[in-house]
Amino acid sequence: MKVICFDLDDTLYKEIDYLKSAYQEICERIHSVTSIENRLACEDLVEAYYRGENVFEYVNRSCHIDLPIETYLNWYRLHEPQLKLSEAVESVLSFFQEKQWIIGLITDGRSITQRNKIKALSLSRFIDNSNILISEEFGSEKPNLKNYLYFQEKYPLSSYYYIGDNPKKDFITPNQLGWTTIGLIDDGRNIHKQNVSYPKENAPSYWIAEIQEVKQIIR
């Protein structure tokens, strides 16, 4: 039996797409309650983000309003995102499903936010809900040992794999447990950049440029 666990953000989809979806929601909400000559566009918020500005303060300043930051945070975290799996990710998940291998998800974040992403991506087609571990629900974040032992205890005597993108936390524990770890190289769109120094034990067994490469590794 093969047990193949994925990270979510910047692995199964690009987190920048979630950010853009949330910014679009914020723009629409602002436009519904204000009247400004130069209408705020989602692209304006994305540019402010890349400039390193506080985006919510930028919206208040640009629209001459004074909404609490907590209001923006709630809109951001609770909105139902417009997301879609890429054809490549669909192909990989379908391949593993056809092989009848176990597919899991280990992701950090708030329950409602991550659940909304999972719903938007229709991941329930490939991953049983009992194999979806969200840190707020599960009670521990990566790299906690508990998150990975869950799968070892549920599916003993299997081969285990973890596919992620963040060497700060994704690979260190599965490496210690003898899992095969696979890192997806940032294509320039990742929220958390990989050009940082980290201990050798944090590196994955393999780095790949395209998600389809996992098929050759896991065969």
N, C-alpha and C. Protein backbone atom coordinates (compact mmCIF):
# COMPACT_ATOMS: atom_id res chain seq x y z
N MET A 1 0.84 -1.20 0.00
CA MET A 1 0.00 0.00 0.00
C MET A 1 0.88 1.25 0.00
N LYS A 2 0.50 2.22 -0.79
CA LYS A 2 1.18 3.51 -0.81
C LYS A 2 0.26 4.56 -0.20
N VAL A 3 0.80 5.37 0.68
CA VAL A 3 0.07 6.47 1.31
C VAL A 3 0.76 7.77 0.89
N ILE A 4 0.04 8.59 0.15
CA ILE A 4 0.63 9.80 -0.45
C ILE A 4 -0.07 11.02 0.12
N CYS A 5 0.64 11.78 0.94
CA CYS A 5 0.07 12.96 1.58
C CYS A 5 0.59 14.22 0.92
N PHE A 6 -0.31 15.17 0.78
CA PHE A 6 0.02 16.45 0.16
C PHE A 6 -0.14 17.58 1.15
N ASP A 7 0.66 18.61 0.96
CA ASP A 7 0.40 19.93 1.50
C ASP A 7 -0.69 20.54 0.61
N LEU A 8 -1.32 21.62 1.08
CA LEU A 8 -2.37 22.26 0.27
C LEU A 8 -1.86 23.52 -0.43
N ASP A 9 -1.57 24.55 0.36
CA ASP A 9 -1.23 25.87 -0.20
C ASP A 9 0.12 25.85 -0.92
N ASP A 10 0.11 26.31 -2.14
CA ASP A 10 1.29 26.36 -3.02
C ASP A 10 1.81 24.98 -3.40
N THR A 11 0.97 23.96 -3.19
CA THR A 11 1.31 22.62 -3.65
C THR A 11 0.20 22.09 -4.56
N LEU A 12 -1.01 21.97 -4.05
CA LEU A 12 -2.13 21.52 -4.89
C LEU A 12 -2.76 22.67 -5.67
N TYR A 13 -2.51 23.88 -5.24
CA TYR A 13 -2.95 25.07 -5.97
C TYR A 13 -2.03 26.20 -5.53
N LYS A 14 -2.08 27.32 -6.22
CA LYS A 14 -1.23 28.45 -5.87
C LYS A 14 -1.99 29.38 -4.91
N GLU A 15 -1.37 29.61 -3.75
CA GLU A 15 -2.04 30.41 -2.72
C GLU A 15 -2.28 31.85 -3.18
N ILE A 16 -1.50 32.34 -4.13
CA ILE A 16 -1.74 33.68 -4.66
C ILE A 16 -3.12 33.77 -5.29
N ASP A 17 -3.64 32.64 -5.79
CA ASP A 17 -4.98 32.63 -6.37
C ASP A 17 -6.04 32.82 -5.29
N TYR A 18 -5.78 32.27 -4.11
CA TYR A 18 -6.70 32.50 -2.98
C TYR A 18 -6.65 33.97 -2.59
N LEU A 19 -5.46 34.52 -2.53
CA LEU A 19 -5.31 35.93 -2.18
C LEU A 19 -6.07 36.82 -3.16
N LYS A 20 -5.94 36.54 -4.44
CA LYS A 20 -6.65 37.34 -5.45
C LYS A 20 -8.16 37.19 -5.32
N SER A 21 -8.61 35.98 -5.04
CA SER A 21 -10.04 35.74 -4.85
C SER A 21 -10.57 36.55 -3.67
N ALA A 22 -9.80 36.57 -2.58
CA ALA A 22 -10.22 37.32 -1.40
C ALA A 22 -10.23 38.82 -1.68
N TYR A 23 -9.22 39.30 -2.41
CA TYR A 23 -9.17 40.72 -2.73
C TYR A 23 -10.34 41.12 -3.63
N GLN A 24 -10.73 40.25 -4.54
CA GLN A 24 -11.88 40.53 -5.39
C GLN A 24 -13.14 40.66 -4.53
N GLU A 25 -13.28 39.77 -3.56
CA GLU A 25 -14.42 39.82 -2.64
C GLU A 25 -14.43 41.13 -1.87
N ILE A 26 -13.26 41.55 -1.39
CA ILE A 26 -13.16 42.80 -0.64
C ILE A 26 -13.54 43.99 -1.51
N CYS A 27 -13.06 44.00 -2.74
CA CYS A 27 -13.41 45.10 -3.66
C CYS A 27 -14.91 45.18 -3.88
N GLU A 28 -15.53 44.04 -4.09
CA GLU A 28 -16.98 44.02 -4.33
C GLU A 28 -17.75 44.51 -3.11
N ARG A 29 -17.31 44.12 -1.92
CA ARG A 29 -17.97 44.58 -0.70
C ARG A 29 -17.80 46.09 -0.52
N ILE A 30 -16.61 46.59 -0.80
CA ILE A 30 -16.36 48.02 -0.67
C ILE A 30 -17.22 48.80 -1.66
N HIS A 31 -17.29 48.32 -2.88
CA HIS A 31 -18.07 49.02 -3.91
C HIS A 31 -19.56 49.03 -3.60
N SER A 32 -20.01 48.05 -2.84
CA SER A 32 -21.44 47.99 -2.52
C SER A 32 -21.86 49.01 -1.46
N VAL A 33 -20.88 49.53 -0.73
CA VAL A 33 -21.23 50.46 0.36
C VAL A 33 -20.58 51.83 0.20
N THR A 34 -19.80 52.03 -0.85
CA THR A 34 -19.17 53.33 -1.05
C THR A 34 -19.39 53.80 -2.48
N SER A 35 -19.18 55.07 -2.68
CA SER A 35 -19.27 55.65 -4.02
C SER A 35 -18.01 56.46 -4.26
N ILE A 36 -17.11 55.90 -5.05
CA ILE A 36 -15.85 56.60 -5.34
C ILE A 36 -15.65 56.68 -6.84
N GLU A 37 -15.04 57.76 -7.27
CA GLU A 37 -14.87 57.97 -8.71
C GLU A 37 -13.92 56.93 -9.31
N ASN A 38 -12.80 56.72 -8.69
CA ASN A 38 -11.82 55.75 -9.18
C ASN A 38 -12.03 54.42 -8.46
N ARG A 39 -12.80 53.55 -9.09
CA ARG A 39 -13.17 52.29 -8.44
C ARG A 39 -11.93 51.43 -8.20
N LEU A 40 -11.86 50.87 -7.01
CA LEU A 40 -10.75 50.03 -6.62
C LEU A 40 -10.83 48.69 -7.35
N ALA A 41 -9.71 48.25 -7.88
CA ALA A 41 -9.67 46.97 -8.59
C ALA A 41 -8.84 45.96 -7.81
N CYS A 42 -9.15 44.69 -8.02
CA CYS A 42 -8.40 43.62 -7.37
C CYS A 42 -6.90 43.76 -7.64
N GLU A 43 -6.57 44.15 -8.87
CA GLU A 43 -5.16 44.28 -9.25
C GLU A 43 -4.44 45.34 -8.41
N ASP A 44 -5.18 46.37 -7.98
CA ASP A 44 -4.58 47.40 -7.13
C ASP A 44 -4.15 46.81 -5.79
N LEU A 45 -4.98 45.92 -5.25
CA LEU A 45 -4.67 45.30 -3.97
C LEU A 45 -3.50 44.34 -4.10
N VAL A 46 -3.47 43.61 -5.22
CA VAL A 46 -2.35 42.69 -5.45
C VAL A 46 -1.04 43.45 -5.56
N GLU A 47 -1.06 44.58 -6.27
CA GLU A 47 0.15 45.39 -6.40
C GLU A 47 0.59 45.93 -5.05
N ALA A 48 -0.38 46.34 -4.22
CA ALA A 48 -0.05 46.83 -2.88
C ALA A 48 0.58 45.71 -2.05
N TYR A 49 0.07 44.50 -2.21
CA TYR A 49 0.62 43.35 -1.50
C TYR A 49 2.08 43.13 -1.90
N TYR A 50 2.36 43.15 -3.20
CA TYR A 50 3.72 42.92 -3.67
C TYR A 50 4.66 44.06 -3.30
N ARG A 51 4.11 45.24 -3.06
CA ARG A 51 4.94 46.36 -2.60
C ARG A 51 5.26 46.23 -1.11
N GLY A 52 4.61 45.28 -0.44
CA GLY A 52 4.84 45.09 0.98
C GLY A 52 3.99 45.98 1.86
N GLU A 53 2.95 46.58 1.29
CA GLU A 53 2.07 47.43 2.07
C GLU A 53 1.07 46.60 2.85
N ASN A 54 0.50 47.21 3.90
CA ASN A 54 -0.66 46.62 4.56
C ASN A 54 -1.85 46.88 3.64
N VAL A 55 -2.34 45.83 3.02
CA VAL A 55 -3.36 45.98 1.98
C VAL A 55 -4.64 46.58 2.52
N PHE A 56 -5.01 46.23 3.73
CA PHE A 56 -6.27 46.71 4.28
C PHE A 56 -6.18 48.20 4.62
N GLU A 57 -5.03 48.63 5.10
CA GLU A 57 -4.83 50.06 5.32
C GLU A 57 -4.82 50.80 3.98
N TYR A 58 -4.28 50.16 2.97
CA TYR A 58 -4.27 50.76 1.62
C TYR A 58 -5.70 50.97 1.12
N VAL A 59 -6.58 50.00 1.35
CA VAL A 59 -7.98 50.14 0.92
C VAL A 59 -8.63 51.30 1.66
N ASN A 60 -8.46 51.36 2.96
CA ASN A 60 -9.05 52.46 3.73
C ASN A 60 -8.57 53.81 3.21
N ARG A 61 -7.28 53.90 2.97
CA ARG A 61 -6.68 55.17 2.52
C ARG A 61 -7.18 55.53 1.12
N SER A 62 -7.24 54.55 0.23
CA SER A 62 -7.63 54.81 -1.15
C SER A 62 -9.11 55.17 -1.27
N CYS A 63 -9.92 54.57 -0.41
CA CYS A 63 -11.37 54.77 -0.49
C CYS A 63 -11.87 55.79 0.52
N HIS A 64 -10.95 56.37 1.28
CA HIS A 64 -11.33 57.39 2.28
C HIS A 64 -12.36 56.85 3.26
N ILE A 65 -12.10 55.66 3.75
CA ILE A 65 -12.98 55.04 4.74
C ILE A 65 -12.12 54.60 5.92
N ASP A 66 -12.77 54.09 6.95
CA ASP A 66 -12.03 53.71 8.16
C ASP A 66 -12.60 52.41 8.74
N LEU A 67 -12.65 51.38 7.91
CA LEU A 67 -13.14 50.09 8.38
C LEU A 67 -12.08 49.43 9.27
N PRO A 68 -12.51 48.75 10.33
CA PRO A 68 -11.54 48.05 11.19
C PRO A 68 -10.80 46.97 10.41
N ILE A 69 -9.54 46.79 10.72
CA ILE A 69 -8.74 45.74 10.07
C ILE A 69 -9.38 44.37 10.29
N GLU A 70 -9.99 44.18 11.46
CA GLU A 70 -10.63 42.90 11.75
C GLU A 70 -11.76 42.59 10.77
N THR A 71 -12.44 43.62 10.29
CA THR A 71 -13.49 43.41 9.28
C THR A 71 -12.90 42.85 8.00
N TYR A 72 -11.80 43.44 7.56
CA TYR A 72 -11.13 42.94 6.35
C TYR A 72 -10.63 41.51 6.55
N LEU A 73 -10.07 41.24 7.73
CA LEU A 73 -9.56 39.90 8.01
C LEU A 73 -10.69 38.87 7.95
N ASN A 74 -11.85 39.22 8.47
CA ASN A 74 -12.98 38.30 8.40
C ASN A 74 -13.43 38.07 6.97
N TRP A 75 -13.49 39.13 6.19
CA TRP A 75 -13.86 38.98 4.77
C TRP A 75 -12.85 38.09 4.07
N TYR A 76 -11.58 38.30 4.37
CA TYR A 76 -10.51 37.53 3.74
C TYR A 76 -10.60 36.05 4.12
N ARG A 77 -10.70 35.78 5.40
CA ARG A 77 -10.63 34.40 5.89
C ARG A 77 -11.91 33.60 5.65
N LEU A 78 -13.05 34.28 5.62
CA LEU A 78 -14.32 33.57 5.57
C LEU A 78 -14.95 33.51 4.18
N HIS A 79 -14.37 34.19 3.21
CA HIS A 79 -15.00 34.21 1.89
C HIS A 79 -14.89 32.83 1.23
N GLU A 80 -15.81 32.57 0.32
CA GLU A 80 -15.79 31.31 -0.43
C GLU A 80 -15.00 31.55 -1.71
N PRO A 81 -13.80 31.02 -1.79
CA PRO A 81 -12.89 31.38 -2.88
C PRO A 81 -13.26 30.79 -4.22
N GLN A 82 -12.83 31.47 -5.25
CA GLN A 82 -12.95 30.97 -6.62
C GLN A 82 -11.62 30.32 -6.99
N LEU A 83 -11.56 29.01 -6.86
CA LEU A 83 -10.32 28.27 -7.11
C LEU A 83 -10.61 27.06 -7.98
N LYS A 84 -9.57 26.60 -8.67
CA LYS A 84 -9.71 25.42 -9.52
C LYS A 84 -8.38 24.69 -9.60
N LEU A 85 -8.43 23.37 -9.52
CA LEU A 85 -7.20 22.59 -9.69
C LEU A 85 -6.70 22.72 -11.12
N SER A 86 -5.39 22.75 -11.27
CA SER A 86 -4.82 22.75 -12.62
C SER A 86 -5.01 21.37 -13.24
N GLU A 87 -4.90 21.31 -14.54
CA GLU A 87 -5.01 20.01 -15.24
C GLU A 87 -3.93 19.05 -14.76
N ALA A 88 -2.75 19.58 -14.48
CA ALA A 88 -1.64 18.74 -14.04
C ALA A 88 -1.95 18.10 -12.69
N VAL A 89 -2.47 18.88 -11.75
CA VAL A 89 -2.79 18.34 -10.43
C VAL A 89 -3.94 17.34 -10.55
N GLU A 90 -4.94 17.67 -11.35
CA GLU A 90 -6.06 16.74 -11.59
C GLU A 90 -5.52 15.40 -12.10
N SER A 91 -4.58 15.48 -13.03
CA SER A 91 -4.02 14.27 -13.62
C SER A 91 -3.30 13.42 -12.58
N VAL A 92 -2.52 14.07 -11.71
CA VAL A 92 -1.77 13.35 -10.69
C VAL A 92 -2.71 12.69 -9.69
N LEU A 93 -3.69 13.43 -9.22
CA LEU A 93 -4.62 12.87 -8.23
C LEU A 93 -5.44 11.73 -8.84
N SER A 94 -5.85 11.90 -10.07
CA SER A 94 -6.60 10.84 -10.76
C SER A 94 -5.75 9.59 -10.92
N PHE A 95 -4.48 9.78 -11.23
CA PHE A 95 -3.55 8.66 -11.40
C PHE A 95 -3.43 7.85 -10.11
N PHE A 96 -3.24 8.55 -8.99
CA PHE A 96 -3.12 7.86 -7.71
C PHE A 96 -4.43 7.18 -7.33
N GLN A 97 -5.53 7.85 -7.63
CA GLN A 97 -6.84 7.27 -7.31
C GLN A 97 -7.08 5.99 -8.10
N GLU A 98 -6.71 6.00 -9.36
CA GLU A 98 -6.87 4.80 -10.20
C GLU A 98 -6.01 3.65 -9.70
N LYS A 99 -4.87 3.98 -9.10
CA LYS A 99 -3.99 2.96 -8.53
C LYS A 99 -4.53 2.43 -7.20
N GLN A 100 -5.58 3.09 -6.69
CA GLN A 100 -6.18 2.76 -5.40
C GLN A 100 -5.20 2.96 -4.25
N TRP A 101 -4.33 3.95 -4.40
CA TRP A 101 -3.44 4.34 -3.33
C TRP A 101 -4.16 5.35 -2.43
N ILE A 102 -3.74 5.42 -1.20
CA ILE A 102 -4.35 6.34 -0.24
C ILE A 102 -3.81 7.75 -0.48
N ILE A 103 -4.70 8.72 -0.59
CA ILE A 103 -4.30 10.13 -0.75
C ILE A 103 -4.71 10.87 0.52
N GLY A 104 -3.77 11.61 1.10
CA GLY A 104 -4.03 12.37 2.31
C GLY A 104 -3.67 13.83 2.14
N LEU A 105 -4.08 14.63 3.10
CA LEU A 105 -3.80 16.07 3.09
C LEU A 105 -3.42 16.49 4.50
N ILE A 106 -2.27 17.15 4.64
CA ILE A 106 -1.83 17.71 5.91
C ILE A 106 -1.58 19.19 5.69
N THR A 107 -2.42 20.03 6.27
CA THR A 107 -2.33 21.47 6.01
C THR A 107 -2.52 22.26 7.29
N ASP A 108 -1.79 23.35 7.42
CA ASP A 108 -1.93 24.25 8.56
C ASP A 108 -2.90 25.37 8.20
N GLY A 109 -3.65 25.82 9.21
CA GLY A 109 -4.54 26.95 8.97
C GLY A 109 -5.84 26.82 9.75
N ARG A 110 -6.67 27.85 9.59
CA ARG A 110 -7.98 27.85 10.23
C ARG A 110 -8.91 26.87 9.52
N SER A 111 -9.77 26.25 10.30
CA SER A 111 -10.66 25.23 9.75
C SER A 111 -11.53 25.77 8.63
N ILE A 112 -12.22 26.87 8.87
CA ILE A 112 -13.18 27.36 7.88
C ILE A 112 -12.47 27.82 6.61
N THR A 113 -11.31 28.44 6.76
CA THR A 113 -10.56 28.92 5.60
C THR A 113 -10.09 27.75 4.74
N GLN A 114 -9.47 26.76 5.39
CA GLN A 114 -8.96 25.61 4.64
C GLN A 114 -10.10 24.77 4.07
N ARG A 115 -11.18 24.63 4.82
CA ARG A 115 -12.33 23.88 4.32
C ARG A 115 -12.95 24.55 3.10
N ASN A 116 -12.99 25.87 3.10
CA ASN A 116 -13.52 26.58 1.93
C ASN A 116 -12.64 26.36 0.70
N LYS A 117 -11.32 26.31 0.91
CA LYS A 117 -10.41 26.03 -0.20
C LYS A 117 -10.63 24.61 -0.72
N ILE A 118 -10.71 23.67 0.21
CA ILE A 118 -10.91 22.26 -0.16
C ILE A 118 -12.21 22.07 -0.93
N LYS A 119 -13.25 22.76 -0.49
CA LYS A 119 -14.54 22.68 -1.18
C LYS A 119 -14.44 23.28 -2.58
N ALA A 120 -13.82 24.45 -2.69
CA ALA A 120 -13.71 25.11 -3.99
C ALA A 120 -12.93 24.26 -4.98
N LEU A 121 -11.91 23.55 -4.49
CA LEU A 121 -11.07 22.71 -5.34
C LEU A 121 -11.68 21.32 -5.58
N SER A 122 -12.80 21.04 -4.93
CA SER A 122 -13.49 19.74 -5.05
C SER A 122 -12.55 18.58 -4.73
N LEU A 123 -11.77 18.73 -3.69
CA LEU A 123 -10.80 17.69 -3.33
C LEU A 123 -11.45 16.45 -2.76
N SER A 124 -12.71 16.55 -2.36
CA SER A 124 -13.40 15.38 -1.84
C SER A 124 -13.54 14.29 -2.89
N ARG A 125 -13.34 14.63 -4.15
CA ARG A 125 -13.37 13.62 -5.22
C ARG A 125 -12.21 12.65 -5.09
N PHE A 126 -11.14 13.11 -4.45
CA PHE A 126 -9.91 12.31 -4.39
C PHE A 126 -9.50 11.92 -2.96
N ILE A 127 -9.90 12.72 -1.98
CA ILE A 127 -9.41 12.53 -0.62
C ILE A 127 -10.57 12.32 0.34
N ASP A 128 -10.56 11.21 1.05
CA ASP A 128 -11.58 10.95 2.06
C ASP A 128 -11.43 11.95 3.20
N ASN A 129 -12.56 12.41 3.73
CA ASN A 129 -12.51 13.44 4.77
C ASN A 129 -11.69 13.01 5.98
N SER A 130 -11.68 11.72 6.28
CA SER A 130 -10.92 11.23 7.43
C SER A 130 -9.42 11.32 7.19
N ASN A 131 -9.02 11.57 5.96
CA ASN A 131 -7.60 11.71 5.62
C ASN A 131 -7.20 13.16 5.36
N ILE A 132 -8.04 14.08 5.79
CA ILE A 132 -7.75 15.51 5.69
C ILE A 132 -7.45 16.04 7.08
N LEU A 133 -6.20 16.44 7.32
CA LEU A 133 -5.79 16.97 8.61
C LEU A 133 -5.54 18.47 8.49
N ILE A 134 -6.38 19.25 9.18
CA ILE A 134 -6.24 20.70 9.23
C ILE A 134 -5.81 21.06 10.64
N SER A 135 -4.77 21.85 10.77
CA SER A 135 -4.14 22.05 12.08
C SER A 135 -5.12 22.51 13.15
N GLU A 136 -6.00 23.45 12.84
CA GLU A 136 -6.93 23.95 13.85
C GLU A 136 -7.88 22.84 14.33
N GLU A 137 -8.27 21.96 13.43
CA GLU A 137 -9.15 20.86 13.79
C GLU A 137 -8.39 19.75 14.50
N PHE A 138 -7.19 19.47 14.01
CA PHE A 138 -6.42 18.32 14.50
C PHE A 138 -5.70 18.61 15.81
N GLY A 139 -5.44 19.88 16.04
CA GLY A 139 -4.82 20.28 17.30
C GLY A 139 -3.31 20.38 17.28
N SER A 140 -2.70 20.26 16.11
CA SER A 140 -1.25 20.42 16.01
C SER A 140 -0.88 20.84 14.59
N GLU A 141 0.22 21.59 14.50
CA GLU A 141 0.70 22.07 13.21
C GLU A 141 1.95 21.32 12.80
N LYS A 142 2.23 21.35 11.50
CA LYS A 142 3.52 20.86 11.02
C LYS A 142 4.64 21.70 11.66
N PRO A 143 5.73 21.08 12.07
CA PRO A 143 6.17 19.71 11.80
C PRO A 143 5.87 18.72 12.92
N ASN A 144 4.81 18.93 13.69
CA ASN A 144 4.49 18.05 14.81
C ASN A 144 4.42 16.59 14.35
N LEU A 145 5.03 15.72 15.13
CA LEU A 145 5.08 14.29 14.82
C LEU A 145 3.68 13.69 14.69
N LYS A 146 2.77 14.21 15.50
CA LYS A 146 1.40 13.67 15.54
C LYS A 146 0.74 13.65 14.17
N ASN A 147 0.97 14.69 13.39
CA ASN A 147 0.30 14.83 12.09
C ASN A 147 0.66 13.70 11.14
N TYR A 148 1.90 13.24 11.22
CA TYR A 148 2.38 12.20 10.30
C TYR A 148 2.14 10.80 10.84
N LEU A 149 2.25 10.66 12.16
CA LEU A 149 2.00 9.35 12.77
C LEU A 149 0.54 8.92 12.59
N TYR A 150 -0.34 9.90 12.43
CA TYR A 150 -1.75 9.58 12.18
C TYR A 150 -1.88 8.60 11.01
N PHE A 151 -1.16 8.88 9.94
CA PHE A 151 -1.25 8.05 8.74
C PHE A 151 -0.51 6.72 8.91
N GLN A 152 0.60 6.75 9.64
CA GLN A 152 1.32 5.50 9.87
C GLN A 152 0.50 4.54 10.73
N GLU A 153 -0.20 5.09 11.70
CA GLU A 153 -1.00 4.24 12.58
C GLU A 153 -2.28 3.77 11.89
N LYS A 154 -2.82 4.60 11.02
CA LYS A 154 -4.05 4.23 10.31
C LYS A 154 -3.76 3.23 9.19
N TYR A 155 -2.59 3.40 8.54
CA TYR A 155 -2.22 2.52 7.43
C TYR A 155 -0.83 1.93 7.68
N PRO A 156 -0.72 0.97 8.61
CA PRO A 156 0.58 0.39 8.93
C PRO A 156 1.14 -0.43 7.77
N LEU A 157 2.44 -0.63 7.82
CA LEU A 157 3.14 -1.45 6.83
C LEU A 157 2.93 -0.94 5.41
N SER A 158 2.94 0.38 5.26
CA SER A 158 2.78 1.00 3.95
C SER A 158 4.04 1.77 3.58
N SER A 159 4.08 2.24 2.34
CA SER A 159 5.12 3.18 1.91
C SER A 159 4.52 4.58 1.99
N TYR A 160 5.25 5.51 2.60
CA TYR A 160 4.67 6.83 2.86
C TYR A 160 5.43 7.92 2.09
N TYR A 161 4.66 8.87 1.59
CA TYR A 161 5.21 9.97 0.80
C TYR A 161 4.58 11.28 1.26
N TYR A 162 5.38 12.33 1.24
CA TYR A 162 4.83 13.66 1.52
C TYR A 162 5.30 14.63 0.44
N ILE A 163 4.35 15.38 -0.10
CA ILE A 163 4.63 16.32 -1.19
C ILE A 163 4.24 17.71 -0.71
N GLY A 164 5.21 18.62 -0.68
CA GLY A 164 4.95 19.97 -0.21
C GLY A 164 5.87 20.97 -0.89
N ASP A 165 5.97 22.16 -0.30
CA ASP A 165 6.78 23.20 -0.93
C ASP A 165 7.65 23.96 0.06
N ASN A 166 7.36 23.84 1.37
CA ASN A 166 7.99 24.72 2.35
C ASN A 166 9.02 23.96 3.20
N PRO A 167 10.31 24.15 2.93
CA PRO A 167 11.34 23.42 3.69
C PRO A 167 11.43 23.83 5.15
N LYS A 168 10.77 24.91 5.54
CA LYS A 168 10.79 25.31 6.93
C LYS A 168 10.03 24.32 7.80
N LYS A 169 9.03 23.65 7.23
CA LYS A 169 8.20 22.79 8.09
C LYS A 169 7.66 21.53 7.41
N ASP A 170 7.68 21.44 6.10
CA ASP A 170 6.99 20.34 5.42
C ASP A 170 7.71 19.00 5.51
N PHE A 171 9.04 18.99 5.48
CA PHE A 171 9.76 17.74 5.25
C PHE A 171 10.52 17.19 6.44
N ILE A 172 10.81 18.02 7.43
CA ILE A 172 11.70 17.59 8.51
C ILE A 172 11.17 16.36 9.24
N THR A 173 9.89 16.34 9.59
CA THR A 173 9.36 15.20 10.35
C THR A 173 9.18 13.96 9.49
N PRO A 174 8.59 14.06 8.30
CA PRO A 174 8.52 12.84 7.49
C PRO A 174 9.89 12.30 7.12
N ASN A 175 10.89 13.17 6.99
CA ASN A 175 12.26 12.69 6.77
C ASN A 175 12.72 11.83 7.95
N GLN A 176 12.45 12.31 9.16
CA GLN A 176 12.85 11.59 10.36
C GLN A 176 12.15 10.23 10.45
N LEU A 177 10.94 10.15 9.92
CA LEU A 177 10.16 8.92 9.97
C LEU A 177 10.47 7.98 8.81
N GLY A 178 11.33 8.40 7.90
CA GLY A 178 11.70 7.54 6.79
C GLY A 178 10.77 7.62 5.60
N TRP A 179 9.92 8.65 5.56
CA TRP A 179 9.05 8.84 4.40
C TRP A 179 9.89 9.33 3.22
N THR A 180 9.38 9.13 2.02
CA THR A 180 9.94 9.76 0.83
C THR A 180 9.31 11.15 0.72
N THR A 181 10.13 12.18 0.70
CA THR A 181 9.60 13.54 0.65
C THR A 181 9.93 14.19 -0.68
N ILE A 182 8.98 14.95 -1.20
CA ILE A 182 9.10 15.55 -2.52
C ILE A 182 8.75 17.03 -2.42
N GLY A 183 9.65 17.88 -2.86
CA GLY A 183 9.43 19.32 -2.81
C GLY A 183 9.14 19.89 -4.19
N LEU A 184 8.07 20.65 -4.29
CA LEU A 184 7.70 21.31 -5.54
C LEU A 184 8.38 22.67 -5.60
N ILE A 185 9.22 22.86 -6.58
CA ILE A 185 9.99 24.10 -6.70
C ILE A 185 9.08 25.27 -7.03
N ASP A 186 9.29 26.37 -6.34
CA ASP A 186 8.55 27.62 -6.57
C ASP A 186 8.72 28.07 -8.02
N ASP A 187 7.61 28.31 -8.69
CA ASP A 187 7.67 28.80 -10.07
C ASP A 187 7.65 30.33 -10.12
N GLY A 188 7.85 30.95 -8.97
CA GLY A 188 7.86 32.40 -8.90
C GLY A 188 6.58 32.98 -8.34
N ARG A 189 5.58 32.12 -8.11
CA ARG A 189 4.29 32.61 -7.64
C ARG A 189 4.01 32.27 -6.18
N ASN A 190 4.90 31.53 -5.53
CA ASN A 190 4.63 31.10 -4.16
C ASN A 190 4.54 32.27 -3.18
N ILE A 191 3.67 32.13 -2.21
CA ILE A 191 3.56 33.12 -1.14
C ILE A 191 4.81 33.06 -0.25
N HIS A 192 5.19 31.85 0.15
CA HIS A 192 6.38 31.66 0.99
C HIS A 192 7.54 31.22 0.09
N LYS A 193 8.53 32.06 -0.03
CA LYS A 193 9.64 31.82 -0.93
C LYS A 193 10.58 30.74 -0.37
N GLN A 194 11.26 30.08 -1.28
CA GLN A 194 12.15 28.98 -0.90
C GLN A 194 13.62 29.39 -0.84
N ASN A 195 13.92 30.62 -1.20
CA ASN A 195 15.31 31.06 -1.25
C ASN A 195 15.78 31.52 0.13
N VAL A 196 15.61 30.63 1.10
CA VAL A 196 16.07 30.90 2.46
C VAL A 196 16.96 29.73 2.88
N SER A 197 17.84 29.97 3.82
CA SER A 197 18.70 28.89 4.30
C SER A 197 17.94 28.03 5.29
N TYR A 198 18.22 26.74 5.27
CA TYR A 198 17.56 25.82 6.20
C TYR A 198 18.48 24.62 6.40
N PRO A 199 18.34 23.93 7.53
CA PRO A 199 19.20 22.78 7.81
C PRO A 199 19.03 21.68 6.77
N LYS A 200 20.06 20.89 6.60
CA LYS A 200 20.05 19.80 5.63
C LYS A 200 18.88 18.85 5.84
N GLU A 201 18.54 18.61 7.11
CA GLU A 201 17.47 17.66 7.39
C GLU A 201 16.08 18.18 7.00
N ASN A 202 16.00 19.46 6.67
CA ASN A 202 14.73 20.03 6.23
C ASN A 202 14.49 19.85 4.74
N ALA A 203 15.51 19.43 4.01
CA ALA A 203 15.39 19.30 2.55
C ALA A 203 14.62 18.03 2.19
N PRO A 204 13.84 18.08 1.11
CA PRO A 204 13.13 16.88 0.68
C PRO A 204 14.07 15.87 0.02
N SER A 205 13.60 14.65 -0.12
CA SER A 205 14.37 13.62 -0.82
C SER A 205 14.58 14.00 -2.27
N TYR A 206 13.56 14.64 -2.86
CA TYR A 206 13.61 15.06 -4.27
C TYR A 206 13.02 16.46 -4.38
N TRP A 207 13.60 17.26 -5.26
CA TRP A 207 12.98 18.51 -5.71
C TRP A 207 12.46 18.29 -7.12
N ILE A 208 11.26 18.76 -7.41
CA ILE A 208 10.69 18.62 -8.75
C ILE A 208 10.21 19.98 -9.23
N ALA A 209 10.26 20.19 -10.53
CA ALA A 209 9.82 21.45 -11.11
C ALA A 209 8.34 21.40 -11.50
N GLU A 210 7.86 20.21 -11.81
CA GLU A 210 6.47 20.05 -12.24
C GLU A 210 5.81 18.95 -11.42
N ILE A 211 4.56 19.15 -11.03
CA ILE A 211 3.87 18.20 -10.17
C ILE A 211 3.75 16.82 -10.81
N GLN A 212 3.71 16.75 -12.14
CA GLN A 212 3.57 15.44 -12.81
C GLN A 212 4.76 14.52 -12.54
N GLU A 213 5.90 15.10 -12.15
CA GLU A 213 7.09 14.30 -11.90
C GLU A 213 6.92 13.34 -10.73
N VAL A 214 5.94 13.57 -9.88
CA VAL A 214 5.74 12.67 -8.74
C VAL A 214 5.33 11.28 -9.21
N LYS A 215 4.72 11.18 -10.38
CA LYS A 215 4.32 9.88 -10.89
C LYS A 215 5.54 8.97 -11.09
N GLN A 216 6.61 9.52 -11.65
CA GLN A 216 7.81 8.73 -11.88
C GLN A 216 8.49 8.35 -10.57
N ILE A 217 8.47 9.25 -9.60
CA ILE A 217 9.12 8.99 -8.31
C ILE A 217 8.37 7.91 -7.54
N ILE A 218 7.05 8.00 -7.55
CA ILE A 218 6.25 7.11 -6.70
C ILE A 218 5.95 5.77 -7.36
N ARG A 219 6.10 5.66 -8.66
CA ARG A 219 5.88 4.38 -9.32
C ARG A 219 6.68 3.26 -8.63
